[in-house]
Amino acid sequence: MLKIWLNIMLLSFLQSLVACGQQTYDQKLQSLYKNTVSLIQPQEVKAKLNKEDVVILDTRSAKEYSVSHIPNAKFIGYDHFDISQVKDIPRDKEIIVYCSVGYRSEKIGEKLKEAGFNNVSNIYGGIFQWKNEDLDVVNQKGEVTDSVHTYNKRWSKWLEEGKGIKVYE
C-alpha cells in the first residue's frame, strides 16, 4: 500500500512539474506586458482597417517586416526607432503598434505616448495572434502570404500549427 501511495505522489509531483513548464500563450503575454499601453484585439484592428483612418506601425526588424506584415502597416523598427520617424503623424491620430507578440511594440507605444501621442494602442498578441485568428498578412510586394517571421525558433511555438509558415532564419 505504501508503494502505491508513493507512486501516486511521485506521479502527481511529476505532472505538476510538467504543467509548470507548459505556459499558455495568454499566460506568456501577461508575463511580458507592463500594461502601459492599451491593448486592442486583432479583430478590432481588422474592423478599424476597413472603416477608419488609423495608422498601423510595425515595430519589428526590417527582416521580419519583409517576410510579412499587416496590410498597410508602416515599418518603424524597434532597435533604431527615433520619434522623428513619426513626425508627420498628428498627435491625436489613432495609432496601433505591433510586433511579434506585443513586447517590443509596447515599448515603442510608451515612447509615442511620452512624445504626446494620446491615442496609442498595442495589438494583443502581435502578429502571431493576428495570424492565429486567420487574418491576412502581406509580404514586401504587398501580396498575401502564409509566411510569418517568428523572431526565432523558440518563439515560433506561439504561432499555432497550421496558421502560417514559420520563418526565423
Protein backbone atom coordinates (compact mmCIF):
# COMPACT_ATOMS: atom_id res chain seq x y z
CA MET A 1 0.00 0.00 0.00
CA LEU A 2 2.84 2.38 0.86
CA LYS A 3 4.45 1.66 -2.53
CA ILE A 4 1.21 2.55 -4.36
CA TRP A 5 0.85 5.75 -2.34
CA LEU A 6 4.48 6.74 -3.09
CA ASN A 7 3.97 6.07 -6.82
CA ILE A 8 0.84 8.22 -6.82
CA MET A 9 2.67 11.03 -5.04
CA LEU A 10 5.63 10.78 -7.43
CA LEU A 11 3.33 10.81 -10.46
CA SER A 12 1.44 13.81 -9.09
CA PHE A 13 4.70 15.67 -8.45
CA LEU A 14 6.00 14.95 -11.97
CA GLN A 15 2.72 16.11 -13.53
CA SER A 16 2.91 19.39 -11.63
CA LEU A 17 6.49 19.94 -12.85
CA VAL A 18 5.42 19.37 -16.45
CA ALA A 19 2.40 21.66 -16.04
CA CYS A 20 4.65 24.46 -14.74
CA GLY A 21 6.64 24.37 -17.97
CA GLN A 22 3.58 24.46 -20.21
CA GLN A 23 2.57 28.07 -20.23
CA THR A 24 -0.34 29.13 -22.43
CA TYR A 25 0.08 31.96 -24.91
CA ASP A 26 -2.17 34.21 -22.80
CA GLN A 27 -0.08 33.47 -19.70
CA LYS A 28 3.10 34.25 -21.62
CA LEU A 29 1.67 37.54 -22.85
CA GLN A 30 0.56 38.53 -19.36
CA SER A 31 4.10 37.88 -18.10
CA LEU A 32 5.55 40.17 -20.80
CA TYR A 33 3.19 43.15 -20.72
CA LYS A 34 3.51 46.01 -18.26
CA ASN A 35 0.08 47.30 -19.39
CA THR A 36 1.45 50.78 -20.03
CA VAL A 37 -0.23 50.92 -23.45
CA SER A 38 -3.85 49.99 -24.11
CA LEU A 39 -4.34 46.62 -25.73
CA ILE A 40 -6.56 46.08 -28.75
CA GLN A 41 -7.70 42.73 -30.12
CA PRO A 42 -6.76 41.74 -33.69
CA GLN A 43 -10.41 41.53 -34.79
CA GLU A 44 -10.99 45.09 -33.56
CA VAL A 45 -7.99 46.26 -35.58
CA LYS A 46 -9.25 44.44 -38.68
CA ALA A 47 -12.62 46.20 -38.36
CA LYS A 48 -10.91 49.58 -37.99
CA LEU A 49 -8.77 48.98 -41.08
CA ASN A 50 -11.90 48.63 -43.16
CA LYS A 51 -13.75 51.66 -41.76
CA GLU A 52 -11.50 54.13 -40.00
CA ASP A 53 -8.44 56.21 -40.62
CA VAL A 54 -5.78 54.66 -38.38
CA VAL A 55 -2.03 54.32 -38.58
CA ILE A 56 -0.57 50.85 -38.08
CA LEU A 57 3.11 50.78 -37.07
CA ASP A 58 5.24 47.64 -37.30
CA THR A 59 7.97 47.73 -34.65
CA ARG A 60 9.79 44.55 -35.67
CA SER A 61 13.06 44.33 -37.59
CA ALA A 62 13.27 45.08 -41.30
CA LYS A 63 13.87 41.38 -41.96
CA GLU A 64 10.71 40.41 -40.07
CA TYR A 65 8.70 43.11 -41.86
CA SER A 66 9.89 41.99 -45.30
CA VAL A 67 8.68 38.42 -44.70
CA SER A 68 5.21 39.53 -43.68
CA HIS A 69 3.32 42.38 -42.09
CA ILE A 70 -0.23 43.56 -41.52
CA PRO A 71 -1.62 45.20 -44.68
CA ASN A 72 -0.89 48.95 -44.84
CA ALA A 73 1.43 48.81 -41.81
CA LYS A 74 4.30 51.28 -41.82
CA PHE A 75 7.71 49.93 -40.80
CA ILE A 76 9.37 51.88 -37.99
CA GLY A 77 11.50 49.20 -36.34
CA TYR A 78 12.49 48.79 -32.73
CA ASP A 79 16.27 48.77 -32.38
CA HIS A 80 16.81 52.09 -34.11
CA PHE A 81 13.45 53.76 -33.52
CA ASP A 82 13.53 57.53 -33.40
CA ILE A 83 10.50 59.71 -32.72
CA SER A 84 11.35 61.73 -35.85
CA GLN A 85 10.09 58.73 -37.87
CA VAL A 86 6.53 59.68 -36.90
CA LYS A 87 6.86 63.47 -37.04
CA ASP A 88 4.26 63.71 -39.84
CA ILE A 89 1.57 61.90 -37.84
CA PRO A 90 -0.80 64.23 -35.97
CA ARG A 91 -0.59 63.79 -32.18
CA ASP A 92 -4.31 62.98 -31.91
CA LYS A 93 -4.31 60.38 -34.72
CA GLU A 94 -5.19 56.81 -33.73
CA ILE A 95 -2.00 54.75 -33.80
CA ILE A 96 -1.85 50.98 -33.42
CA VAL A 97 1.53 49.34 -32.85
CA TYR A 98 2.51 45.70 -33.07
CA CYS A 99 5.45 43.31 -33.16
CA SER A 100 5.67 39.52 -32.88
CA VAL A 101 3.89 39.20 -29.53
CA GLY A 102 3.48 42.77 -28.27
CA TYR A 103 6.53 43.30 -26.06
CA ARG A 104 8.62 45.50 -28.36
CA SER A 105 5.55 47.35 -29.58
CA GLU A 106 4.54 48.15 -26.01
CA LYS A 107 7.95 49.80 -25.53
CA ILE A 108 7.50 51.85 -28.72
CA GLY A 109 3.95 52.72 -27.63
CA GLU A 110 5.39 54.10 -24.38
CA LYS A 111 7.76 56.31 -26.38
CA LEU A 112 4.91 57.54 -28.56
CA LYS A 113 2.83 58.42 -25.51
CA GLU A 114 5.79 60.22 -23.92
CA ALA A 115 6.10 62.25 -27.15
CA GLY A 116 2.49 63.41 -26.85
CA PHE A 117 0.59 60.89 -28.97
CA ASN A 118 -2.60 60.38 -26.99
CA ASN A 119 -4.39 57.62 -28.92
CA VAL A 120 -1.96 54.68 -28.99
CA SER A 121 -2.79 51.01 -28.61
CA ASN A 122 -0.90 47.74 -28.92
CA ILE A 123 -2.23 44.65 -30.74
CA TYR A 124 -2.76 41.90 -28.18
CA GLY A 125 -0.50 39.00 -29.11
CA GLY A 126 1.07 40.86 -32.02
CA ILE A 127 1.33 39.38 -35.49
CA PHE A 128 1.26 35.87 -34.00
CA GLN A 129 -2.24 36.39 -32.62
CA TRP A 130 -3.22 38.16 -35.84
CA LYS A 131 -2.33 35.02 -37.83
CA ASN A 132 -3.69 32.68 -35.13
CA GLU A 133 -7.05 34.36 -35.82
CA ASP A 134 -6.67 33.66 -39.57
CA LEU A 135 -6.16 37.30 -40.56
CA ASP A 136 -4.12 38.11 -43.68
CA VAL A 137 -0.55 39.32 -43.76
CA VAL A 138 1.31 40.54 -46.82
CA ASN A 139 4.91 40.28 -48.00
CA GLN A 140 7.18 43.10 -49.16
CA LYS A 141 5.42 43.09 -52.55
CA GLY A 142 2.03 43.58 -50.89
CA GLU A 143 0.91 40.05 -51.77
CA VAL A 144 -0.97 37.91 -49.23
CA THR A 145 1.38 35.31 -47.77
CA ASP A 146 1.26 32.46 -45.28
CA SER A 147 4.83 33.13 -44.14
CA VAL A 148 5.34 34.74 -40.75
CA HIS A 149 8.71 35.70 -39.33
CA THR A 150 8.61 34.23 -35.84
CA TYR A 151 11.68 36.05 -34.49
CA ASN A 152 13.47 32.80 -33.66
CA LYS A 153 12.79 29.07 -33.31
CA ARG A 154 11.94 29.31 -29.60
CA TRP A 155 9.29 31.98 -30.14
CA SER A 156 7.82 30.19 -33.16
CA LYS A 157 5.84 27.90 -30.85
CA TRP A 158 3.40 30.76 -30.25
CA LEU A 159 2.28 30.72 -33.88
CA GLU A 160 -0.24 27.89 -33.86
CA GLU A 161 0.38 24.90 -36.13
CA GLY A 162 -1.32 25.29 -39.48
CA LYS A 163 -1.73 29.06 -39.11
CA GLY A 164 1.32 30.03 -41.11
CA ILE A 165 4.72 29.07 -42.42
CA LYS A 166 7.22 29.77 -39.65
CA VAL A 167 10.27 31.70 -40.83
CA TYR A 168 13.07 32.52 -38.40
CA GLU A 169 16.30 32.30 -40.34
